Amino acid sequence: MDNLWTNINDNIPMYMNKICKEYNLVCVKISPLKTAMIGDEFAIMIAIDRFDIEIYYLYKRDPDMGKYPCGSFFAQAYDSQDREDLLSGEGADIYQKLSADSSKRIS
């Protein structure tokens, strides 16, 4: 499924190339809307949504994994019509799931 959110996520390795080289990080696509930049002892996850992009700091705390939200650094301007008929759930992930489900039904 190709849309603005997945296109942004697909290009995160290019956007973050300088940072990844400087700090020896590897970009890994987790889902159509999430990418992680993984280092030796931590990872930074970028989660794309229609209205914002969240950054999470992930670290290993034996035997668990810790996750700290770092806050939104981007927000799209929207009006009241953008908030009509919203689905409950976790942002643009819902759009991806619905698109995948509808394509299965069509075949």
PDB file of N, CA and C in Angstrom:
ATOM      1  N   MET A   1       0.840  -1.182   0.000  1.00  0.00           N
ATOM      2  CA  MET A   1       0.000   0.000   0.000  1.00  0.00           C
ATOM      3  C   MET A   1       0.882   1.241   0.000  1.00  0.00           C
ATOM      4  N   ASP A   2       0.706   2.094  -0.984  1.00  0.00           N
ATOM      5  CA  ASP A   2       1.513   3.291  -1.123  1.00  0.00           C
ATOM      6  C   ASP A   2       0.697   4.526  -0.765  1.00  0.00           C
ATOM      7  N   ASN A   3       1.128   5.266   0.244  1.00  0.00           N
ATOM      8  CA  ASN A   3       0.506   6.545   0.575  1.00  0.00           C
ATOM      9  C   ASN A   3       1.575   7.440   1.191  1.00  0.00           C
ATOM     10  N   LEU A   4       1.202   8.636   1.547  1.00  0.00           N
ATOM     11  CA  LEU A   4       2.158   9.600   2.081  1.00  0.00           C
ATOM     12  C   LEU A   4       2.906   9.052   3.290  1.00  0.00           C
ATOM     13  N   TRP A   5       2.182   8.408   4.215  1.00  0.00           N
ATOM     14  CA  TRP A   5       2.818   7.940   5.453  1.00  0.00           C
ATOM     15  C   TRP A   5       3.831   6.844   5.168  1.00  0.00           C
ATOM     16  N   THR A   6       3.455   5.878   4.329  1.00  0.00           N
ATOM     17  CA  THR A   6       4.391   4.792   4.028  1.00  0.00           C
ATOM     18  C   THR A   6       5.578   5.312   3.215  1.00  0.00           C
ATOM     19  N   ASN A   7       5.344   6.300   2.343  1.00  0.00           N
ATOM     20  CA  ASN A   7       6.451   6.882   1.576  1.00  0.00           C
ATOM     21  C   ASN A   7       7.445   7.589   2.491  1.00  0.00           C
ATOM     22  N   ILE A   8       6.945   8.316   3.477  1.00  0.00           N
ATOM     23  CA  ILE A   8       7.838   8.967   4.448  1.00  0.00           C
ATOM     24  C   ILE A   8       8.641   7.907   5.188  1.00  0.00           C
ATOM     25  N   ASN A   9       7.954   6.864   5.665  1.00  0.00           N
ATOM     26  CA  ASN A   9       8.640   5.806   6.402  1.00  0.00           C
ATOM     27  C   ASN A   9       9.682   5.099   5.529  1.00  0.00           C
ATOM     28  N   ASP A  10       9.353   4.860   4.266  1.00  0.00           N
ATOM     29  CA  ASP A  10      10.305   4.211   3.356  1.00  0.00           C
ATOM     30  C   ASP A  10      11.586   5.024   3.196  1.00  0.00           C
ATOM     31  N   ASN A  11      11.488   6.342   3.342  1.00  0.00           N
ATOM     32  CA  ASN A  11      12.640   7.215   3.122  1.00  0.00           C
ATOM     33  C   ASN A  11      13.392   7.596   4.390  1.00  0.00           C
ATOM     34  N   ILE A  12      12.981   7.091   5.544  1.00  0.00           N
ATOM     35  CA  ILE A  12      13.676   7.438   6.791  1.00  0.00           C
ATOM     36  C   ILE A  12      15.166   7.097   6.732  1.00  0.00           C
ATOM     37  N   PRO A  13      15.573   5.936   6.189  1.00  0.00           N
ATOM     38  CA  PRO A  13      17.023   5.685   6.112  1.00  0.00           C
ATOM     39  C   PRO A  13      17.773   6.786   5.348  1.00  0.00           C
ATOM     40  N   MET A  14      17.163   7.318   4.300  1.00  0.00           N
ATOM     41  CA  MET A  14      17.793   8.402   3.542  1.00  0.00           C
ATOM     42  C   MET A  14      17.826   9.688   4.381  1.00  0.00           C
ATOM     43  N   TYR A  15      16.688  10.005   5.051  1.00  0.00           N
ATOM     44  CA  TYR A  15      16.626  11.220   5.865  1.00  0.00           C
ATOM     45  C   TYR A  15      17.632  11.168   7.012  1.00  0.00           C
ATOM     46  N   MET A  16      17.835   9.994   7.580  1.00  0.00           N
ATOM     47  CA  MET A  16      18.666   9.833   8.774  1.00  0.00           C
ATOM     48  C   MET A  16      20.070   9.314   8.460  1.00  0.00           C
ATOM     49  N   ASN A  17      20.461   9.327   7.204  1.00  0.00           N
ATOM     50  CA  ASN A  17      21.733   8.756   6.778  1.00  0.00           C
ATOM     51  C   ASN A  17      22.922   9.332   7.547  1.00  0.00           C
ATOM     52  N   LYS A  18      22.996  10.645   7.674  1.00  0.00           N
ATOM     53  CA  LYS A  18      24.130  11.291   8.349  1.00  0.00           C
ATOM     54  C   LYS A  18      24.195  10.881   9.825  1.00  0.00           C
ATOM     55  N   ILE A  19      23.038  10.872  10.486  1.00  0.00           N
ATOM     56  CA  ILE A  19      22.982  10.482  11.901  1.00  0.00           C
ATOM     57  C   ILE A  19      23.398   9.025  12.063  1.00  0.00           C
ATOM     58  N   CYS A  20      22.870   8.151  11.188  1.00  0.00           N
ATOM     59  CA  CYS A  20      23.191   6.724  11.275  1.00  0.00           C
ATOM     60  C   CYS A  20      24.684   6.476  11.079  1.00  0.00           C
ATOM     61  N   LYS A  21      25.298   7.177  10.132  1.00  0.00           N
ATOM     62  CA  LYS A  21      26.738   7.016   9.902  1.00  0.00           C
ATOM     63  C   LYS A  21      27.544   7.509  11.097  1.00  0.00           C
ATOM     64  N   GLU A  22      27.176   8.681  11.604  1.00  0.00           N
ATOM     65  CA  GLU A  22      27.939   9.278  12.703  1.00  0.00           C
ATOM     66  C   GLU A  22      27.871   8.445  13.980  1.00  0.00           C
ATOM     67  N   TYR A  23      26.698   7.842  14.258  1.00  0.00           N
ATOM     68  CA  TYR A  23      26.517   7.100  15.507  1.00  0.00           C
ATOM     69  C   TYR A  23      26.461   5.591  15.305  1.00  0.00           C
ATOM     70  N   ASN A  24      26.854   5.124  14.119  1.00  0.00           N
ATOM     71  CA  ASN A  24      26.912   3.696  13.819  1.00  0.00           C
ATOM     72  C   ASN A  24      25.572   2.994  14.080  1.00  0.00           C
ATOM     73  N   LEU A  25      24.508   3.556  13.521  1.00  0.00           N
ATOM     74  CA  LEU A  25      23.164   3.001  13.663  1.00  0.00           C
ATOM     75  C   LEU A  25      22.743   2.328  12.360  1.00  0.00           C
ATOM     76  N   VAL A  26      21.863   1.338  12.482  1.00  0.00           N
ATOM     77  CA  VAL A  26      21.314   0.648  11.318  1.00  0.00           C
ATOM     78  C   VAL A  26      19.811   0.887  11.297  1.00  0.00           C
ATOM     79  N   CYS A  27      19.271   1.294  10.145  1.00  0.00           N
ATOM     80  CA  CYS A  27      17.820   1.501  10.005  1.00  0.00           C
ATOM     81  C   CYS A  27      17.144   0.185   9.647  1.00  0.00           C
ATOM     82  N   VAL A  28      16.078  -0.135  10.389  1.00  0.00           N
ATOM     83  CA  VAL A  28      15.304  -1.348  10.140  1.00  0.00           C
ATOM     84  C   VAL A  28      13.833  -0.969  10.095  1.00  0.00           C
ATOM     85  N   LYS A  29      13.165  -1.332   9.018  1.00  0.00           N
ATOM     86  CA  LYS A  29      11.731  -1.062   8.887  1.00  0.00           C
ATOM     87  C   LYS A  29      10.982  -2.111   9.710  1.00  0.00           C
ATOM     88  N   ILE A  30      10.202  -1.660  10.692  1.00  0.00           N
ATOM     89  CA  ILE A  30       9.458  -2.552  11.578  1.00  0.00           C
ATOM     90  C   ILE A  30       8.095  -2.878  10.988  1.00  0.00           C
ATOM     91  N   SER A  31       7.461  -1.877  10.422  1.00  0.00           N
ATOM     92  CA  SER A  31       6.139  -2.027   9.805  1.00  0.00           C
ATOM     93  C   SER A  31       6.023  -0.935   8.742  1.00  0.00           C
ATOM     94  N   PRO A  32       4.913  -0.896   7.988  1.00  0.00           N
ATOM     95  CA  PRO A  32       4.784   0.167   6.989  1.00  0.00           C
ATOM     96  C   PRO A  32       4.849   1.580   7.574  1.00  0.00           C
ATOM     97  N   LEU A  33       4.614   1.700   8.896  1.00  0.00           N
ATOM     98  CA  LEU A  33       4.576   3.021   9.515  1.00  0.00           C
ATOM     99  C   LEU A  33       5.608   3.216  10.619  1.00  0.00           C
ATOM    100  N   LYS A  34       6.481   2.241  10.826  1.00  0.00           N
ATOM    101  CA  LYS A  34       7.472   2.345  11.905  1.00  0.00           C
ATOM    102  C   LYS A  34       8.843   1.906  11.415  1.00  0.00           C
ATOM    103  N   THR A  35       9.854   2.681  11.804  1.00  0.00           N
ATOM    104  CA  THR A  35      11.242   2.359  11.494  1.00  0.00           C
ATOM    105  C   THR A  35      12.062   2.530  12.764  1.00  0.00           C
ATOM    106  N   ALA A  36      13.029   1.645  12.953  1.00  0.00           N
ATOM    107  CA  ALA A  36      13.931   1.755  14.102  1.00  0.00           C
ATOM    108  C   ALA A  36      15.346   2.018  13.601  1.00  0.00           C
ATOM    109  N   MET A  37      16.050   2.864  14.326  1.00  0.00           N
ATOM    110  CA  MET A  37      17.478   3.073  14.108  1.00  0.00           C
ATOM    111  C   MET A  37      18.160   2.391  15.289  1.00  0.00           C
ATOM    112  N   ILE A  38      18.862   1.302  15.008  1.00  0.00           N
ATOM    113  CA  ILE A  38      19.360   0.426  16.062  1.00  0.00           C
ATOM    114  C   ILE A  38      20.860   0.605  16.248  1.00  0.00           C
ATOM    115  N   GLY A  39      21.248   0.785  17.529  1.00  0.00           N
ATOM    116  CA  GLY A  39      22.649   0.882  17.906  1.00  0.00           C
ATOM    117  C   GLY A  39      23.034  -0.312  18.759  1.00  0.00           C
ATOM    118  N   ASP A  40      24.212  -0.267  19.363  1.00  0.00           N
ATOM    119  CA  ASP A  40      24.689  -1.388  20.176  1.00  0.00           C
ATOM    120  C   ASP A  40      23.858  -1.617  21.430  1.00  0.00           C
ATOM    121  N   GLU A  41      23.477  -0.552  22.119  1.00  0.00           N
ATOM    122  CA  GLU A  41      22.780  -0.711  23.394  1.00  0.00           C
ATOM    123  C   GLU A  41      21.417  -0.038  23.436  1.00  0.00           C
ATOM    124  N   PHE A  42      20.970   0.502  22.319  1.00  0.00           N
ATOM    125  CA  PHE A  42      19.692   1.208  22.303  1.00  0.00           C
ATOM    126  C   PHE A  42      19.146   1.234  20.883  1.00  0.00           C
ATOM    127  N   ALA A  43      17.909   1.691  20.764  1.00  0.00           N
ATOM    128  CA  ALA A  43      17.300   1.917  19.448  1.00  0.00           C
ATOM    129  C   ALA A  43      16.416   3.150  19.547  1.00  0.00           C
ATOM    130  N   ILE A  44      16.229   3.802  18.433  1.00  0.00           N
ATOM    131  CA  ILE A  44      15.296   4.918  18.334  1.00  0.00           C
ATOM    132  C   ILE A  44      14.241   4.501  17.320  1.00  0.00           C
ATOM    133  N   MET A  45      12.983   4.489  17.753  1.00  0.00           N
ATOM    134  CA  MET A  45      11.901   4.093  16.858  1.00  0.00           C
ATOM    135  C   MET A  45      11.121   5.329  16.438  1.00  0.00           C
ATOM    136  N   ILE A  46      10.855   5.439  15.146  1.00  0.00           N
ATOM    137  CA  ILE A  46      10.064   6.537  14.597  1.00  0.00           C
ATOM    138  C   ILE A  46       8.747   5.946  14.124  1.00  0.00           C
ATOM    139  N   ALA A  47       7.642   6.449  14.692  1.00  0.00           N
ATOM    140  CA  ALA A  47       6.303   5.968  14.344  1.00  0.00           C
ATOM    141  C   ALA A  47       5.545   7.091  13.643  1.00  0.00           C
ATOM    142  N   ILE A  48       5.112   6.833  12.420  1.00  0.00           N
ATOM    143  CA  ILE A  48       4.438   7.828  11.579  1.00  0.00           C
ATOM    144  C   ILE A  48       2.930   7.734  11.766  1.00  0.00           C
ATOM    145  N   ASP A  49       2.283   8.879  11.845  1.00  0.00           N
ATOM    146  CA  ASP A  49       0.829   8.943  11.951  1.00  0.00           C
ATOM    147  C   ASP A  49       0.359  10.103  11.093  1.00  0.00           C
ATOM    148  N   ARG A  50      -0.910  10.144  10.805  1.00  0.00           N
ATOM    149  CA  ARG A  50      -1.442  11.218   9.961  1.00  0.00           C
ATOM    150  C   ARG A  50      -1.218  12.589  10.594  1.00  0.00           C
ATOM    151  N   PHE A  51      -1.338  12.683  11.899  1.00  0.00           N
ATOM    152  CA  PHE A  51      -1.271  13.976  12.569  1.00  0.00           C
ATOM    153  C   PHE A  51       0.052  14.252  13.275  1.00  0.00           C
ATOM    154  N   ASP A  52       0.886  13.258  13.430  1.00  0.00           N
ATOM    155  CA  ASP A  52       2.177  13.516  14.058  1.00  0.00           C
ATOM    156  C   ASP A  52       3.145  12.371  13.796  1.00  0.00           C
ATOM    157  N   ILE A  53       4.369  12.584  14.188  1.00  0.00           N
ATOM    158  CA  ILE A  53       5.396  11.559  14.134  1.00  0.00           C
ATOM    159  C   ILE A  53       5.973  11.473  15.537  1.00  0.00           C
ATOM    160  N   GLU A  54       5.965  10.290  16.107  1.00  0.00           N
ATOM    161  CA  GLU A  54       6.492  10.102  17.457  1.00  0.00           C
ATOM    162  C   GLU A  54       7.857   9.434  17.395  1.00  0.00           C
ATOM    163  N   ILE A  55       8.689   9.771  18.343  1.00  0.00           N
ATOM    164  CA  ILE A  55       9.998   9.150  18.479  1.00  0.00           C
ATOM    165  C   ILE A  55      10.044   8.468  19.841  1.00  0.00           C
ATOM    166  N   TYR A  56      10.531   7.234  19.862  1.00  0.00           N
ATOM    167  CA  TYR A  56      10.661   6.468  21.098  1.00  0.00           C
ATOM    168  C   TYR A  56      12.114   6.044  21.267  1.00  0.00           C
ATOM    169  N   TYR A  57      12.595   6.127  22.492  1.00  0.00           N
ATOM    170  CA  TYR A  57      13.922   5.634  22.837  1.00  0.00           C
ATOM    171  C   TYR A  57      13.729   4.252  23.448  1.00  0.00           C
ATOM    172  N   LEU A  58      14.335   3.240  22.860  1.00  0.00           N
ATOM    173  CA  LEU A  58      14.210   1.865  23.342  1.00  0.00           C
ATOM    174  C   LEU A  58      15.553   1.411  23.893  1.00  0.00           C
ATOM    175  N   TYR A  59      15.514   0.692  25.003  1.00  0.00           N
ATOM    176  CA  TYR A  59      16.749   0.182  25.587  1.00  0.00           C
ATOM    177  C   TYR A  59      16.479  -1.157  26.251  1.00  0.00           C
ATOM    178  N   LYS A  60      17.506  -1.946  26.392  1.00  0.00           N
ATOM    179  CA  LYS A  60      17.363  -3.261  27.017  1.00  0.00           C
ATOM    180  C   LYS A  60      17.708  -3.153  28.492  1.00  0.00           C
ATOM    181  N   ARG A  61      16.778  -3.612  29.302  1.00  0.00           N
ATOM    182  CA  ARG A  61      16.977  -3.683  30.750  1.00  0.00           C
ATOM    183  C   ARG A  61      16.681  -5.126  31.116  1.00  0.00           C
ATOM    184  N   ASP A  62      17.733  -5.929  31.266  1.00  0.00           N
ATOM    185  CA  ASP A  62      17.566  -7.380  31.442  1.00  0.00           C
ATOM    186  C   ASP A  62      16.467  -7.705  32.420  1.00  0.00           C
ATOM    187  N   PRO A  63      15.567  -8.597  32.107  1.00  0.00           N
ATOM    188  CA  PRO A  63      15.373  -9.250  30.803  1.00  0.00           C
ATOM    189  C   PRO A  63      14.364  -8.497  29.931  1.00  0.00           C
ATOM    190  N   ASP A  64      13.987  -7.299  30.333  1.00  0.00           N
ATOM    191  CA  ASP A  64      12.925  -6.567  29.635  1.00  0.00           C
ATOM    192  C   ASP A  64      13.478  -5.510  28.687  1.00  0.00           C
ATOM    193  N   MET A  65      12.569  -4.968  27.905  1.00  0.00           N
ATOM    194  CA  MET A  65      12.892  -3.874  26.998  1.00  0.00           C
ATOM    195  C   MET A  65      12.166  -2.636  27.508  1.00  0.00           C
ATOM    196  N   GLY A  66      12.860  -1.522  27.650  1.00  0.00           N
ATOM    197  CA  GLY A  66      12.236  -0.276  28.079  1.00  0.00           C
ATOM    198  C   GLY A  66      11.920   0.601  26.877  1.00  0.00           C
ATOM    199  N   LYS A  67      10.856   1.392  27.003  1.00  0.00           N
ATOM    200  CA  LYS A  67      10.445   2.274  25.901  1.00  0.00           C
ATOM    201  C   LYS A  67      10.033   3.621  26.485  1.00  0.00           C
ATOM    202  N   TYR A  68      10.737   4.671  26.094  1.00  0.00           N
ATOM    203  CA  TYR A  68      10.408   6.016  26.533  1.00  0.00           C
ATOM    204  C   TYR A  68       9.944   6.855  25.346  1.00  0.00           C
ATOM    205  N   PRO A  69       8.742   7.452  25.437  1.00  0.00           N
ATOM    206  CA  PRO A  69       8.327   8.363  24.367  1.00  0.00           C
ATOM    207  C   PRO A  69       9.123   9.663  24.471  1.00  0.00           C
ATOM    208  N   CYS A  70       9.573  10.159  23.351  1.00  0.00           N
ATOM    209  CA  CYS A  70      10.349  11.404  23.320  1.00  0.00           C
ATOM    210  C   CYS A  70       9.521  12.584  22.847  1.00  0.00           C
ATOM    211  N   GLY A  71       8.245  12.362  22.573  1.00  0.00           N
ATOM    212  CA  GLY A  71       7.374  13.452  22.158  1.00  0.00           C
ATOM    213  C   GLY A  71       7.297  13.603  20.656  1.00  0.00           C
ATOM    214  N   SER A  72       6.317  14.327  20.246  1.00  0.00           N
ATOM    215  CA  SER A  72       6.085  14.563  18.823  1.00  0.00           C
ATOM    216  C   SER A  72       6.944  15.722  18.349  1.00  0.00           C
ATOM    217  N   PHE A  73       7.560  15.571  17.187  1.00  0.00           N
ATOM    218  CA  PHE A  73       8.332  16.691  16.651  1.00  0.00           C
ATOM    219  C   PHE A  73       7.722  17.251  15.379  1.00  0.00           C
ATOM    220  N   PHE A  74       6.594  16.718  14.953  1.00  0.00           N
ATOM    221  CA  PHE A  74       5.952  17.190  13.727  1.00  0.00           C
ATOM    222  C   PHE A  74       4.450  17.075  13.892  1.00  0.00           C
ATOM    223  N   ALA A  75       3.721  18.053  13.459  1.00  0.00           N
ATOM    224  CA  ALA A  75       2.258  17.964  13.472  1.00  0.00           C
ATOM    225  C   ALA A  75       1.717  18.660  12.238  1.00  0.00           C
ATOM    226  N   GLN A  76       0.804  17.989  11.577  1.00  0.00           N
ATOM    227  CA  GLN A  76       0.176  18.548  10.374  1.00  0.00           C
ATOM    228  C   GLN A  76      -0.984  19.433  10.798  1.00  0.00           C
ATOM    229  N   ALA A  77      -1.125  20.563  10.152  1.00  0.00           N
ATOM    230  CA  ALA A  77      -2.283  21.414  10.429  1.00  0.00           C
ATOM    231  C   ALA A  77      -3.537  20.701   9.942  1.00  0.00           C
ATOM    232  N   TYR A  78      -4.596  20.779  10.705  1.00  0.00           N
ATOM    233  CA  TYR A  78      -5.837  20.124  10.312  1.00  0.00           C
ATOM    234  C   TYR A  78      -7.012  20.963  10.766  1.00  0.00           C
ATOM    235  N   ASP A  79      -8.157  20.710  10.156  1.00  0.00           N
ATOM    236  CA  ASP A  79      -9.363  21.421  10.567  1.00  0.00           C
ATOM    237  C   ASP A  79     -10.372  20.411  11.109  1.00  0.00           C
ATOM    238  N   SER A  80     -11.555  20.879  11.453  1.00  0.00           N
ATOM    239  CA  SER A  80     -12.556  20.009  12.087  1.00  0.00           C
ATOM    240  C   SER A  80     -12.974  18.850  11.185  1.00  0.00           C
ATOM    241  N   GLN A  81     -12.956  19.036   9.866  1.00  0.00           N
ATOM    242  CA  GLN A  81     -13.334  17.943   8.967  1.00  0.00           C
ATOM    243  C   GLN A  81     -12.354  16.777   9.040  1.00  0.00           C
ATOM    244  N   ASP A  82     -11.097  17.050   9.350  1.00  0.00           N
ATOM    245  CA  ASP A  82     -10.114  15.978   9.485  1.00  0.00           C
ATOM    246  C   ASP A  82     -10.411  15.071  10.674  1.00  0.00           C
ATOM    247  N   ARG A  83     -11.168  15.559  11.634  1.00  0.00           N
ATOM    248  CA  ARG A  83     -11.469  14.782  12.831  1.00  0.00           C
ATOM    249  C   ARG A  83     -12.818  14.059  12.751  1.00  0.00           C
ATOM    250  N   GLU A  84     -13.495  14.136  11.610  1.00  0.00           N
ATOM    251  CA  GLU A  84     -14.786  13.463  11.457  1.00  0.00           C
ATOM    252  C   GLU A  84     -14.575  12.006  11.065  1.00  0.00           C
ATOM    253  N   ASP A  85     -15.464  11.139  11.541  1.00  0.00           N
ATOM    254  CA  ASP A  85     -15.479   9.716  11.179  1.00  0.00           C
ATOM    255  C   ASP A  85     -14.146   9.018  11.427  1.00  0.00           C
ATOM    256  N   LEU A  86     -13.473   9.365  12.513  1.00  0.00           N
ATOM    257  CA  LEU A  86     -12.215   8.709  12.832  1.00  0.00           C
ATOM    258  C   LEU A  86     -12.470   7.321  13.405  1.00  0.00           C
ATOM    259  N   LEU A  87     -11.552   6.416  13.164  1.00  0.00           N
ATOM    260  CA  LEU A  87     -11.625   5.071  13.715  1.00  0.00           C
ATOM    261  C   LEU A  87     -10.857   5.048  15.023  1.00  0.00           C
ATOM    262  N   SER A  88     -11.304   4.233  15.952  1.00  0.00           N
ATOM    263  CA  SER A  88     -10.562   4.130  17.205  1.00  0.00           C
ATOM    264  C   SER A  88      -9.374   3.204  16.997  1.00  0.00           C
ATOM    265  N   GLY A  89      -8.298   3.478  17.688  1.00  0.00           N
ATOM    266  CA  GLY A  89      -7.110   2.648  17.564  1.00  0.00           C
ATOM    267  C   GLY A  89      -5.872   3.497  17.554  1.00  0.00           C
ATOM    268  N   GLU A  90      -4.819   2.978  16.966  1.00  0.00           N
ATOM    269  CA  GLU A  90      -3.525   3.639  17.030  1.00  0.00           C
ATOM    270  C   GLU A  90      -3.162   4.307  15.712  1.00  0.00           C
ATOM    271  N   GLY A  91      -3.748   5.453  15.456  1.00  0.00           N
ATOM    272  CA  GLY A  91      -3.366   6.300  14.337  1.00  0.00           C
ATOM    273  C   GLY A  91      -3.461   5.680  12.964  1.00  0.00           C
ATOM    274  N   ALA A  92      -2.485   5.994  12.139  1.00  0.00           N
ATOM    275  CA  ALA A  92      -2.498   5.565  10.744  1.00  0.00           C
ATOM    276  C   ALA A  92      -2.327   4.065  10.603  1.00  0.00           C
ATOM    277  N   ASP A  93      -1.907   3.374  11.675  1.00  0.00           N
ATOM    278  CA  ASP A  93      -1.854   1.910  11.643  1.00  0.00           C
ATOM    279  C   ASP A  93      -3.206   1.333  11.260  1.00  0.00           C
ATOM    280  N   ILE A  94      -4.279   1.951  11.713  1.00  0.00           N
ATOM    281  CA  ILE A  94      -5.629   1.483  11.401  1.00  0.00           C
ATOM    282  C   ILE A  94      -5.856   1.541   9.901  1.00  0.00           C
ATOM    283  N   TYR A  95      -5.457   2.646   9.288  1.00  0.00           N
ATOM    284  CA  TYR A  95      -5.624   2.820   7.844  1.00  0.00           C
ATOM    285  C   TYR A  95      -4.915   1.695   7.099  1.00  0.00           C
ATOM    286  N   GLN A  96      -3.715   1.366   7.530  1.00  0.00           N
ATOM    287  CA  GLN A  96      -2.954   0.291   6.903  1.00  0.00           C
ATOM    288  C   GLN A  96      -3.673  -1.042   7.056  1.00  0.00           C
ATOM    289  N   LYS A  97      -4.186  -1.321   8.258  1.00  0.00           N
ATOM    290  CA  LYS A  97      -4.876  -2.589   8.514  1.00  0.00           C
ATOM    291  C   LYS A  97      -6.150  -2.677   7.685  1.00  0.00           C
ATOM    292  N   LEU A  98      -6.906  -1.590   7.628  1.00  0.00           N
ATOM    293  CA  LEU A  98      -8.139  -1.594   6.843  1.00  0.00           C
ATOM    294  C   LEU A  98      -7.841  -1.768   5.363  1.00  0.00           C
ATOM    295  N   SER A  99      -6.818  -1.123   4.872  1.00  0.00           N
ATOM    296  CA  SER A  99      -6.453  -1.256   3.460  1.00  0.00           C
ATOM    297  C   SER A  99      -6.061  -2.689   3.141  1.00  0.00           C
ATOM    298  N   ALA A 100      -5.297  -3.306   4.027  1.00  0.00           N
ATOM    299  CA  ALA A 100      -4.878  -4.692   3.810  1.00  0.00           C
ATOM    300  C   ALA A 100      -6.078  -5.627   3.848  1.00  0.00           C
ATOM    301  N   ASP A 101      -6.992  -5.404   4.805  1.00  0.00           N
ATOM    302  CA  ASP A 101      -8.184  -6.249   4.914  1.00  0.00           C
ATOM    303  C   ASP A 101      -9.080  -6.110   3.696  1.00  0.00           C
ATOM    304  N   SER A 102      -9.273  -4.898   3.203  1.00  0.00           N
ATOM    305  CA  SER A 102     -10.164  -4.693   2.061  1.00  0.00           C
ATOM    306  C   SER A 102      -9.576  -5.304   0.795  1.00  0.00           C
ATOM    307  N   SER A 103      -8.249  -5.285   0.649  1.00  0.00           N
ATOM    308  CA  SER A 103      -7.651  -5.892  -0.542  1.00  0.00           C
ATOM    309  C   SER A 103      -7.801  -7.408  -0.508  1.00  0.00           C
ATOM    310  N   LYS A 104      -7.826  -7.996   0.676  1.00  0.00           N
ATOM    311  CA  LYS A 104      -8.040  -9.439   0.789  1.00  0.00           C
ATOM    312  C   LYS A 104      -9.463  -9.796   0.392  1.00  0.00           C
ATOM    313  N   ARG A 105     -10.419  -8.935   0.763  1.00  0.00           N
ATOM    314  CA  ARG A 105     -11.823  -9.215   0.461  1.00  0.00           C
ATOM    315  C   ARG A 105     -12.135  -9.083  -1.023  1.00  0.00           C
ATOM    316  N   ILE A 106     -11.425  -8.220  -1.707  1.00  0.00           N
ATOM    317  CA  ILE A 106     -11.705  -7.973  -3.120  1.00  0.00           C
ATOM    318  C   ILE A 106     -11.359  -9.192  -3.967  1.00  0.00           C
ATOM    319  N   SER A 107     -10.308  -9.884  -3.628  1.00  0.00           N
ATOM    320  CA  SER A 107      -9.853 -11.015  -4.436  1.00  0.00           C
ATOM    321  C   SER A 107     -10.722 -12.196  -4.324  1.00  0.00           C
TER     322      SER A 107
END
